[in-house]
């Protein structure tokens, strides 16, 4: 499991981490929504068209995806066309390189947009069907980015002031959306989703406030009043129509993470088990959510994140559990696709080689160290969780300093080589210290499917993989594992 550097998670968009947020125990009940707002499903699928123009494109394609469904459209002369077969309205994410926009479409619609490569997602000029809805989505995206940057002051407020502030913001947003829809032919399901976005933005703010207040005020003793969490009574967790609302998805995900965080306080050893956290999430999902589509989505999302950050570790058993519950073919195909890329990194497979420079500029090829067991740490100087592991790594290195059967090597993926050099010298870091050029595009990142750091590898004396997701130095498991290897 990859833990977040909390400051970076709040202040900048980080794709290389995910976060467990620890709040109080939450209790929910169900609320009823009007059936008129739910998407109407047709008896058969009809063709829907997305056409895009991107000025000065620097990527060959766009990826259009939603709920495990994924389509790739090639860009030719700055344009692409994608034909979809739909039987219900959907919101799709459109990925272009590292930028992502959103698009709403109904069965039979022809949606068009134009943008530039540089301004993708920020400037999306829509025409054709659903242009009103989609131009609103672009405006909302830009507004959300601005609002989030201003939220720090709000999280610093004392409890009642904070409650009043986010309540006022919710009411203002509801009024603003109501004014926007007046006199316009707005799709009813789109209206339902945008109203859900406003409501669950407020609910998320209420949910994360205690932890964020502690962080921004540096007051770790802060606690909310006993009635603070009463706002959650009546919040609906089991409406699958809301899965197209990102704020609803964030809210139910935070609910699960809260449960897991509470569990980890009671049973910290869960983190040291293969897929311990993911299995705990599976159990919570099945016990806490009664609606099958919600269960499938949350288990799919949990498994997808586990594979991304943990690879094949414990994944086979998770897949078996998932397959018993899941009937969604898109989810199944997407998970199998993600899992298949880890086949070459299973235990016993030949470890991909790598060669990097040490602090003196000497090149070290890992293949030259055959005959030794190799424990590899992939890290960076800016990574808080990486630095927390250093004392434990140093203890391991000290324990085995006279044992020539094992090599400890740390590979930095820093952007700034000088920052790495300073830290290696200042901390008098032991082991073989190497620097990987190109940060997240380094060959070791690519070959070992590294999505987050710290990441540890364990390679045997024949150059084969023992674990592409080895236990951290702080885990008792690695001590026992290294002992078996060197004594065996």
Protein backbone atom coordinates (compact mmCIF):
# COMPACT_ATOMS: atom_id res chain seq x y z
CA UNK A 1 0.00 0.00 0.00
CA UNK A 2 1.35 3.45 -0.92
CA UNK A 3 0.74 6.12 1.69
CA UNK A 4 0.43 9.77 0.75
CA UNK A 5 2.53 12.78 1.62
CA UNK A 6 -0.48 14.66 3.02
CA UNK A 7 0.75 18.15 2.18
CA UNK A 8 1.31 17.29 -1.46
CA UNK A 9 -2.01 15.46 -1.73
CA UNK A 10 -3.88 18.56 -0.60
CA UNK A 11 -1.92 21.20 -2.50
CA UNK A 12 -1.11 19.57 -5.84
CA UNK A 13 -2.53 16.86 -8.03
CA UNK A 14 -0.54 13.68 -7.38
CA UNK A 15 -1.16 10.64 -9.49
CA UNK A 16 1.42 8.46 -7.77
CA UNK A 17 -0.31 8.10 -4.42
CA UNK A 18 -3.58 7.20 -2.83
CA UNK A 19 -4.77 8.07 0.63
CA UNK A 20 -6.42 6.52 3.63
CA UNK A 21 -8.28 9.28 5.50
CA UNK A 22 -8.89 8.54 9.17
CA UNK A 23 -12.00 10.15 10.57
CA UNK A 24 -14.64 9.08 13.10
CA UNK A 25 -16.98 6.13 12.63
CA UNK A 26 -19.73 7.00 10.16
CA UNK A 27 -23.36 5.94 10.12
CA UNK A 28 -25.68 6.20 7.13
CA UNK A 29 -29.29 5.62 6.22
CA UNK A 30 -30.99 5.74 2.85
CA UNK A 31 -32.91 8.57 1.25
CA UNK A 32 -35.32 8.37 -1.68
CA UNK A 33 -34.80 10.19 -4.96
CA UNK A 34 -37.38 10.81 -7.60
CA UNK A 35 -37.43 8.03 -10.19
CA UNK A 36 -37.98 10.73 -12.84
CA UNK A 37 -34.31 11.67 -12.60
CA UNK A 38 -32.91 8.21 -13.22
CA UNK A 39 -31.43 7.41 -16.66
CA UNK A 40 -33.82 5.82 -19.12
CA UNK A 41 -32.42 2.61 -20.60
CA UNK A 42 -33.42 1.79 -24.18
CA UNK A 43 -34.37 -1.67 -25.37
CA UNK A 44 -31.50 -1.64 -27.83
CA UNK A 45 -28.27 0.27 -28.33
CA UNK A 46 -28.08 3.08 -30.86
CA UNK A 47 -25.09 4.84 -32.41
CA UNK A 48 -23.76 7.93 -30.66
CA UNK A 49 -20.91 10.00 -32.10
CA UNK A 50 -18.11 12.00 -30.49
CA UNK A 51 -16.09 14.25 -32.82
CA UNK A 52 -13.13 16.26 -31.61
CA UNK A 53 -10.72 18.81 -33.08
CA UNK A 54 -7.41 19.36 -31.28
CA UNK A 55 -5.15 22.13 -32.56
CA UNK A 56 -1.44 21.25 -32.64
CA UNK A 57 -1.83 17.73 -31.21
CA UNK A 58 1.26 16.13 -29.68
CA UNK A 59 -0.28 12.76 -28.80
CA UNK A 60 -1.52 10.19 -31.35
CA UNK A 61 -4.89 9.40 -29.76
CA UNK A 62 -7.51 10.14 -27.15
CA UNK A 63 -8.93 7.61 -24.69
CA UNK A 64 -12.62 7.74 -23.85
CA UNK A 65 -13.59 5.76 -20.76
CA UNK A 66 -16.36 5.23 -18.24
CA UNK A 67 -16.98 2.58 -15.57
CA UNK A 68 -14.52 0.01 -16.93
CA UNK A 69 -15.44 0.72 -20.56
CA UNK A 70 -12.60 2.11 -22.66
CA UNK A 71 -12.27 3.26 -26.26
CA UNK A 72 -9.27 4.63 -28.14
CA UNK A 73 -9.64 7.01 -31.07
CA UNK A 74 -6.72 7.88 -33.35
CA UNK A 75 -6.10 11.56 -34.08
CA UNK A 76 -5.60 12.30 -37.77
CA UNK A 77 -4.78 15.83 -38.92
CA UNK A 78 -5.92 17.12 -35.55
CA UNK A 79 -9.29 15.38 -35.64
CA UNK A 80 -10.90 12.19 -34.38
CA UNK A 81 -14.29 10.51 -34.59
CA UNK A 82 -15.57 7.85 -32.21
CA UNK A 83 -18.78 5.90 -32.73
CA UNK A 84 -20.33 4.41 -29.60
CA UNK A 85 -23.27 2.09 -29.12
CA UNK A 86 -25.30 3.32 -26.15
CA UNK A 87 -28.59 2.38 -24.54
CA UNK A 88 -28.44 4.96 -21.71
CA UNK A 89 -26.88 8.38 -21.05
CA UNK A 90 -23.32 8.48 -19.77
CA UNK A 91 -20.57 10.79 -18.64
CA UNK A 92 -17.22 9.84 -20.15
CA UNK A 93 -13.73 10.89 -19.16
CA UNK A 94 -11.68 11.94 -22.20
CA UNK A 95 -7.95 11.47 -21.68
CA UNK A 96 -5.43 13.20 -23.86
CA UNK A 97 -1.93 12.58 -22.60
CA UNK A 98 -2.05 13.52 -18.93
CA UNK A 99 -5.03 15.84 -19.30
CA UNK A 100 -8.60 14.71 -18.70
CA UNK A 101 -11.92 16.31 -19.60
CA UNK A 102 -15.51 15.17 -19.21
CA UNK A 103 -18.32 14.72 -21.70
CA UNK A 104 -22.04 13.98 -21.33
CA UNK A 105 -23.81 12.07 -24.09
CA UNK A 106 -27.18 10.42 -24.70
CA UNK A 107 -27.97 7.53 -27.04
CA UNK A 108 -28.21 8.87 -30.57
CA UNK A 109 -26.37 12.13 -29.83
CA UNK A 110 -23.67 13.66 -32.00
CA UNK A 111 -21.36 15.65 -29.71
CA UNK A 112 -18.59 17.87 -31.08
CA UNK A 113 -15.84 19.85 -29.41
CA UNK A 114 -12.73 21.82 -30.33
CA UNK A 115 -9.72 22.64 -28.19
CA UNK A 116 -5.95 22.93 -28.30
CA UNK A 117 -3.36 20.46 -27.08
CA UNK A 118 -2.14 22.98 -24.53
CA UNK A 119 -5.60 23.89 -23.19
CA UNK A 120 -7.24 20.46 -23.32
CA UNK A 121 -9.79 20.07 -20.49
CA UNK A 122 -9.60 23.78 -19.61
CA UNK A 123 -10.97 25.10 -22.91
CA UNK A 124 -13.42 22.70 -24.55
CA UNK A 125 -15.78 24.44 -26.97
CA UNK A 126 -18.77 22.15 -27.53
CA UNK A 127 -21.31 22.22 -30.32
CA UNK A 128 -23.93 19.82 -31.61
CA UNK A 129 -26.06 17.80 -29.19
CA UNK A 130 -25.72 18.44 -25.45
CA UNK A 131 -23.55 21.52 -26.03
CA UNK A 132 -25.22 23.38 -23.14
CA UNK A 133 -24.55 20.53 -20.73
CA UNK A 134 -20.98 19.95 -21.88
CA UNK A 135 -19.98 23.60 -21.89
CA UNK A 136 -21.31 23.70 -18.33
CA UNK A 137 -19.06 20.74 -17.45
CA UNK A 138 -16.02 22.64 -18.75
CA UNK A 139 -16.98 25.72 -16.76
CA UNK A 140 -17.52 23.56 -13.68
CA UNK A 141 -14.10 21.91 -14.12
CA UNK A 142 -12.34 25.28 -14.18
CA UNK A 143 -14.39 26.64 -11.31
CA UNK A 144 -13.72 23.55 -9.18
CA UNK A 145 -9.96 24.01 -9.63
CA UNK A 146 -10.20 27.62 -8.44
CA UNK A 147 -12.44 26.81 -5.49
CA UNK A 148 -10.21 23.97 -4.27
CA UNK A 149 -7.22 26.30 -4.13
CA UNK A 150 -9.23 28.62 -1.85
CA UNK A 151 -10.51 25.94 0.51
CA UNK A 152 -7.50 26.05 2.85
CA UNK A 153 -8.90 29.04 4.74
CA UNK A 154 -12.20 27.26 5.12
CA UNK A 155 -10.63 24.12 6.61
CA UNK A 156 -8.84 26.28 9.18
CA UNK A 157 -12.13 27.58 10.58
CA UNK A 158 -13.49 26.33 13.88
CA UNK A 159 -16.25 23.75 13.69
CA UNK A 160 -19.38 25.91 13.66
CA UNK A 161 -17.82 28.54 11.41
CA UNK A 162 -16.82 25.78 8.99
CA UNK A 163 -20.31 24.24 9.02
CA UNK A 164 -21.84 27.64 8.27
CA UNK A 165 -19.34 28.33 5.48
CA UNK A 166 -19.83 25.07 3.57
CA UNK A 167 -23.59 25.23 4.05
CA UNK A 168 -23.62 28.72 2.55
CA UNK A 169 -21.43 27.50 -0.32
CA UNK A 170 -23.81 24.61 -1.01
CA UNK A 171 -26.85 26.89 -1.08
CA UNK A 172 -25.05 29.37 -3.34
CA UNK A 173 -24.06 26.59 -5.76
CA UNK A 174 -27.60 25.22 -5.82
CA UNK A 175 -28.98 28.68 -6.58
CA UNK A 176 -26.34 29.25 -9.26
CA UNK A 177 -27.22 25.97 -10.98
CA UNK A 178 -30.94 26.70 -10.74
CA UNK A 179 -30.38 30.08 -12.38
CA UNK A 180 -28.27 28.42 -15.10
CA UNK A 181 -31.01 25.92 -15.98
CA UNK A 182 -33.84 28.46 -16.24
CA UNK A 183 -35.22 28.61 -19.76
CA UNK A 184 -32.84 25.92 -21.01
CA UNK A 185 -33.64 22.46 -22.30
CA UNK A 186 -31.40 20.60 -19.85
CA UNK A 187 -31.33 16.81 -19.87
CA UNK A 188 -33.08 15.66 -16.65
CA UNK A 189 -30.44 13.04 -15.84
CA UNK A 190 -27.67 15.57 -16.32
CA UNK A 191 -29.52 17.92 -13.97
CA UNK A 192 -29.81 15.11 -11.43
CA UNK A 193 -26.06 14.43 -11.65
CA UNK A 194 -25.06 18.08 -11.28
CA UNK A 195 -27.36 18.45 -8.27
CA UNK A 196 -25.69 15.34 -6.83
CA UNK A 197 -22.27 16.91 -7.48
CA UNK A 198 -23.20 19.98 -5.43
CA UNK A 199 -24.68 17.92 -2.59
CA UNK A 200 -21.80 15.45 -2.31
CA UNK A 201 -19.18 18.19 -2.57
CA UNK A 202 -20.73 19.56 0.61
CA UNK A 203 -20.85 16.07 2.18
CA UNK A 204 -17.20 15.44 1.30
CA UNK A 205 -16.16 18.75 2.82
CA UNK A 206 -17.97 17.83 6.01
CA UNK A 207 -16.38 14.39 5.97
CA UNK A 208 -12.77 15.48 5.52
CA UNK A 209 -12.91 18.58 7.71
CA UNK A 210 -11.58 17.04 10.97
CA UNK A 211 -8.43 15.64 9.32
CA UNK A 212 -7.80 18.70 7.15
CA UNK A 213 -8.34 21.07 10.06
CA UNK A 214 -5.74 19.16 12.06
CA UNK A 215 -3.30 19.39 9.18
CA UNK A 216 -3.69 23.05 8.29
CA UNK A 217 -3.81 24.33 11.86
CA UNK A 218 -1.11 21.87 13.00
CA UNK A 219 -3.39 20.99 15.91
CA UNK A 220 -3.34 17.20 16.12
CA UNK A 221 -5.42 17.29 19.32
CA UNK A 222 -8.42 18.82 17.53
CA UNK A 223 -11.66 16.83 17.79
CA UNK A 224 -15.11 17.62 16.50
CA UNK A 225 -18.16 17.72 18.75
CA UNK A 226 -20.16 14.52 19.46
CA UNK A 227 -22.99 15.65 17.14
CA UNK A 228 -20.73 16.64 14.22
CA UNK A 229 -21.35 13.46 12.23
CA UNK A 230 -25.13 13.66 12.56
CA UNK A 231 -25.18 15.32 9.13
CA UNK A 232 -24.66 11.88 7.57
CA UNK A 233 -28.02 10.52 8.61
CA UNK A 234 -30.20 10.29 5.54
CA UNK A 235 -27.34 10.32 3.04
CA UNK A 236 -27.89 7.73 0.33
CA UNK A 237 -25.04 5.30 -0.32
CA UNK A 238 -26.88 2.86 -2.56
CA UNK A 239 -28.01 4.73 -5.67
CA UNK A 240 -26.12 3.39 -8.71
CA UNK A 241 -27.30 6.30 -10.87
CA UNK A 242 -25.00 8.54 -8.84
CA UNK A 243 -21.89 6.59 -9.81
CA UNK A 244 -21.48 9.10 -12.66
CA UNK A 245 -21.06 11.84 -10.04
CA UNK A 246 -17.35 12.07 -9.08
CA UNK A 247 -18.19 13.66 -5.75
CA UNK A 248 -20.53 10.79 -4.88
CA UNK A 249 -17.80 8.29 -5.76
CA UNK A 250 -15.34 10.22 -3.58
CA UNK A 251 -17.81 10.19 -0.73
CA UNK A 252 -18.46 6.45 -0.72
CA UNK A 253 -14.74 5.79 -1.22
CA UNK A 254 -13.95 7.95 1.80
CA UNK A 255 -16.50 5.99 3.77
CA UNK A 256 -14.64 2.75 3.03
CA UNK A 257 -11.25 4.30 3.75
CA UNK A 258 -12.58 5.54 7.08
CA UNK A 259 -13.69 2.05 8.03
CA UNK A 260 -10.32 0.61 6.98
CA UNK A 261 -8.39 3.28 8.89
CA UNK A 262 -10.36 2.47 12.03
CA UNK A 263 -9.66 -1.22 11.49
CA UNK A 264 -5.93 -0.58 11.04
CA UNK A 265 -5.84 1.24 14.37
CA UNK A 266 -7.11 -1.94 15.99
CA UNK A 267 -5.18 -4.44 13.83
CA UNK A 268 -2.07 -2.75 12.35
CA UNK A 269 -0.67 -6.10 11.22
CA UNK A 270 -3.25 -6.13 8.41
CA UNK A 271 -0.86 -3.96 6.39
CA UNK A 272 1.82 -6.63 6.54
CA UNK A 273 -0.37 -9.33 5.01
CA UNK A 274 -0.52 -9.94 1.27
CA UNK A 275 -3.47 -7.87 0.02
CA UNK A 276 -4.47 -7.31 3.66
CA UNK A 277 -5.89 -3.83 3.08
CA UNK A 278 -7.68 -4.80 -0.16
CA UNK A 279 -9.24 -7.85 1.49
CA UNK A 280 -10.43 -5.66 4.34
CA UNK A 281 -12.00 -3.28 1.83
CA UNK A 282 -13.75 -6.16 0.08
CA UNK A 283 -15.22 -7.28 3.37
CA UNK A 284 -16.40 -3.77 4.27
CA UNK A 285 -17.95 -3.24 0.82
CA UNK A 286 -19.97 -6.44 0.98
CA UNK A 287 -21.18 -5.71 4.52
CA UNK A 288 -21.88 -1.99 4.13
CA UNK A 289 -23.42 -1.66 0.65
CA UNK A 290 -26.63 -3.45 -0.28
CA UNK A 291 -26.89 -2.37 -3.92
CA UNK A 292 -25.16 -4.81 -6.27
CA UNK A 293 -23.95 -2.30 -8.89
CA UNK A 294 -22.38 -0.19 -6.15
CA UNK A 295 -20.71 -3.30 -4.70
CA UNK A 296 -19.35 -4.28 -8.11
CA UNK A 297 -18.02 -0.79 -8.81
CA UNK A 298 -16.31 -0.41 -5.43
CA UNK A 299 -14.75 -3.87 -5.57
CA UNK A 300 -13.61 -3.20 -9.14
CA UNK A 301 -12.06 0.10 -8.10
CA UNK A 302 -10.39 -1.49 -5.06
CA UNK A 303 -8.94 -4.32 -7.14
CA UNK A 304 -7.79 -1.96 -9.89
CA UNK A 305 -5.92 0.20 -7.37
CA UNK A 306 -4.45 -2.87 -5.67
CA UNK A 307 -3.06 -4.17 -8.98
CA UNK A 308 -1.71 -0.73 -9.87
CA UNK A 309 0.19 -0.34 -6.61
CA UNK A 310 0.77 -3.93 -5.44
CA UNK A 311 0.92 -5.89 -8.68
CA UNK A 312 0.48 -9.64 -8.33
CA UNK A 313 0.85 -9.72 -4.53
CA UNK A 314 -2.24 -11.48 -3.23
CA UNK A 315 -4.15 -10.62 -6.38
CA UNK A 316 -5.16 -14.16 -7.36
CA UNK A 317 -7.27 -14.59 -4.21
CA UNK A 318 -8.80 -11.13 -4.69
CA UNK A 319 -9.72 -12.02 -8.27
CA UNK A 320 -11.45 -15.17 -7.07
CA UNK A 321 -13.56 -13.17 -4.61
CA UNK A 322 -14.27 -10.48 -7.20
CA UNK A 323 -15.41 -12.99 -9.82
CA UNK A 324 -17.97 -14.44 -7.39
CA UNK A 325 -19.60 -11.05 -6.91
CA UNK A 326 -19.07 -9.24 -10.21
CA UNK A 327 -21.32 -9.65 -13.25
CA UNK A 328 -20.06 -6.56 -15.09
CA UNK A 329 -18.14 -7.71 -18.17
CA UNK A 330 -16.45 -4.31 -18.66
CA UNK A 331 -15.05 -4.49 -15.14
CA UNK A 332 -13.90 -8.06 -15.65
CA UNK A 333 -12.14 -7.31 -18.95
CA UNK A 334 -10.44 -4.21 -17.57
CA UNK A 335 -9.17 -6.03 -14.49
CA UNK A 336 -7.86 -8.93 -16.56
CA UNK A 337 -6.07 -6.46 -18.85
CA UNK A 338 -4.43 -4.74 -15.86
CA UNK A 339 -3.47 -8.03 -14.25
CA UNK A 340 -2.03 -9.51 -17.45
CA UNK A 341 0.78 -6.95 -17.60
CA UNK A 342 2.13 -8.31 -14.31
CA UNK A 343 2.62 -11.84 -15.62
CA UNK A 344 6.24 -11.08 -16.53
CA UNK A 345 6.90 -9.89 -12.99
CA UNK A 346 5.71 -12.99 -11.16
CA UNK A 347 8.05 -14.82 -8.81
CA UNK A 348 10.55 -16.97 -10.71
CA UNK A 349 10.56 -14.83 -13.86
CA UNK A 350 13.83 -13.29 -15.03
CA UNK A 351 14.19 -9.85 -13.46
CA UNK A 352 14.38 -6.96 -15.95
CA UNK A 353 17.91 -5.55 -15.79
CA UNK A 354 18.85 -1.93 -15.20
CA UNK A 355 22.05 0.09 -15.12
CA UNK A 356 22.52 3.48 -13.45
CA UNK A 357 25.28 5.80 -12.25
CA UNK A 358 26.49 6.17 -8.69
CA UNK A 359 27.34 9.53 -7.13
CA UNK A 360 30.82 9.46 -8.72
CA UNK A 361 29.45 8.81 -12.20
CA UNK A 362 30.38 5.12 -12.32
CA UNK A 363 27.87 2.89 -14.09
CA UNK A 364 26.50 -0.17 -12.27
CA UNK A 365 24.65 -2.90 -14.17
CA UNK A 366 22.50 -5.01 -11.87
CA UNK A 367 23.30 -8.05 -14.03
CA UNK A 368 26.90 -7.79 -12.79
CA UNK A 369 25.75 -8.67 -9.28
CA UNK A 370 24.50 -12.18 -10.04
CA UNK A 371 25.40 -14.48 -7.19
CA UNK A 372 23.93 -12.04 -4.64
CA UNK A 373 20.42 -11.50 -3.40
CA UNK A 374 19.47 -7.92 -4.23
CA UNK A 375 17.08 -5.75 -2.22
CA UNK A 376 16.15 -2.68 -4.28
CA UNK A 377 14.63 0.55 -2.95
CA UNK A 378 13.08 2.93 -5.51
CA UNK A 379 12.67 6.33 -3.87
CA UNK A 380 13.07 10.13 -4.16
CA UNK A 381 14.23 12.87 -1.83
CA UNK A 382 10.82 14.63 -1.94
CA UNK A 383 8.93 11.47 -0.93
CA UNK A 384 7.93 11.56 2.76
CA UNK A 385 6.99 7.87 3.03
CA UNK A 386 10.33 6.97 1.39
CA UNK A 387 12.27 8.89 4.00
CA UNK A 388 10.29 7.27 6.81
CA UNK A 389 11.63 3.90 5.66
CA UNK A 390 15.29 5.00 5.73
CA UNK A 391 16.00 4.23 9.42
CA UNK A 392 14.60 0.73 8.95
CA UNK A 393 16.61 0.25 5.75
CA UNK A 394 19.77 1.43 7.52
CA UNK A 395 19.10 -1.08 10.31
CA UNK A 396 18.86 -3.90 7.75
CA UNK A 397 22.05 -2.73 6.07
CA UNK A 398 23.83 -2.66 9.40
CA UNK A 399 22.63 -6.17 10.25
CA UNK A 400 23.99 -7.57 6.97
CA UNK A 401 27.01 -5.33 6.46
CA UNK A 402 29.43 -8.27 6.77
CA UNK A 403 27.34 -10.64 4.66
CA UNK A 404 28.44 -10.74 1.03
CA UNK A 405 25.37 -12.75 -0.03
CA UNK A 406 23.13 -9.70 -0.16
CA UNK A 407 23.33 -6.33 -1.89
CA UNK A 408 21.26 -3.31 -0.84
CA UNK A 409 20.78 -0.73 -3.57
CA UNK A 410 18.69 2.44 -3.55
CA UNK A 411 17.68 4.02 -6.84
CA UNK A 412 16.50 7.62 -6.87
CA UNK A 413 14.00 8.84 -9.45
CA UNK A 414 14.48 12.48 -8.45
CA UNK A 415 14.19 15.15 -11.10
CA UNK A 416 17.01 17.11 -9.47
CA UNK A 417 20.21 15.08 -9.33
CA UNK A 418 21.87 17.67 -7.09
CA UNK A 419 19.14 17.22 -4.46
CA UNK A 420 19.84 13.48 -4.50
CA UNK A 421 23.60 14.02 -4.22
CA UNK A 422 23.18 16.40 -1.28
CA UNK A 423 20.99 13.98 0.65
CA UNK A 424 23.25 10.98 -0.01
CA UNK A 425 26.24 12.95 1.29
CA UNK A 426 24.48 14.72 4.17
CA UNK A 427 22.87 11.52 5.46
CA UNK A 428 25.96 9.40 4.69
CA UNK A 429 23.60 6.90 3.07
CA UNK A 430 24.87 3.34 2.88
CA UNK A 431 24.40 0.65 0.28
CA UNK A 432 24.77 1.11 -3.46
CA UNK A 433 23.25 4.53 -4.19
CA UNK A 434 22.23 5.01 -7.83
CA UNK A 435 20.44 7.72 -9.81
CA UNK A 436 17.87 6.94 -12.52
CA UNK A 437 17.55 9.56 -15.22
CA UNK A 438 14.10 10.58 -16.55
CA UNK A 439 12.17 10.28 -13.27
CA UNK A 440 8.88 8.44 -13.88
CA UNK A 441 10.00 7.61 -17.42
CA UNK A 442 13.07 5.72 -16.22
CA UNK A 443 13.43 2.16 -17.47
CA UNK A 444 13.10 0.65 -13.99
CA UNK A 445 9.79 2.50 -13.51
CA UNK A 446 8.51 1.23 -16.84
CA UNK A 447 9.78 -2.34 -16.57
CA UNK A 448 8.61 -2.89 -12.99
CA UNK A 449 5.27 -1.07 -13.47
CA UNK A 450 5.99 1.41 -10.68
CA UNK A 451 3.04 3.72 -10.03
CA UNK A 452 4.03 4.91 -6.56
CA UNK A 453 7.00 5.08 -4.25
CA UNK A 454 8.58 3.82 -2.10
CA UNK A 455 8.73 0.55 -3.97
CA UNK A 456 10.94 -2.40 -3.07
CA UNK A 457 12.13 -5.31 -5.20
CA UNK A 458 13.76 -8.55 -4.15
CA UNK A 459 15.87 -10.43 -6.73
CA UNK A 460 17.53 -13.81 -6.18
CA UNK A 461 21.14 -14.80 -6.77
CA UNK A 462 20.29 -16.11 -10.25
CA UNK A 463 18.78 -12.83 -11.39
CA UNK A 464 15.18 -13.98 -11.00
CA UNK A 465 12.34 -12.19 -9.29
CA UNK A 466 11.50 -13.18 -5.74
CA UNK A 467 9.07 -10.29 -5.36
CA UNK A 468 8.36 -7.28 -7.56
CA UNK A 469 6.54 -5.83 -4.55
CA UNK A 470 8.82 -6.82 -1.69
CA UNK A 471 7.91 -5.89 1.91
CA UNK A 472 9.16 -2.55 3.18
CA UNK A 473 12.14 -2.38 5.55
CA UNK A 474 9.73 -1.48 8.35
CA UNK A 475 7.84 -4.75 7.88
CA UNK A 476 8.83 -7.76 10.01
CA UNK A 477 8.24 -9.89 6.90
CA UNK A 478 11.36 -8.65 5.12
CA UNK A 479 13.61 -9.50 8.08
CA UNK A 480 12.35 -13.06 8.13
CA UNK A 481 12.59 -13.33 4.34
CA UNK A 482 16.18 -12.08 4.16
CA UNK A 483 17.19 -14.38 6.99
CA UNK A 484 15.79 -17.42 5.15
CA UNK A 485 17.60 -16.42 1.96
CA UNK A 486 21.06 -15.86 3.39
CA UNK A 487 20.88 -18.86 5.71
CA UNK A 488 19.36 -21.19 3.15
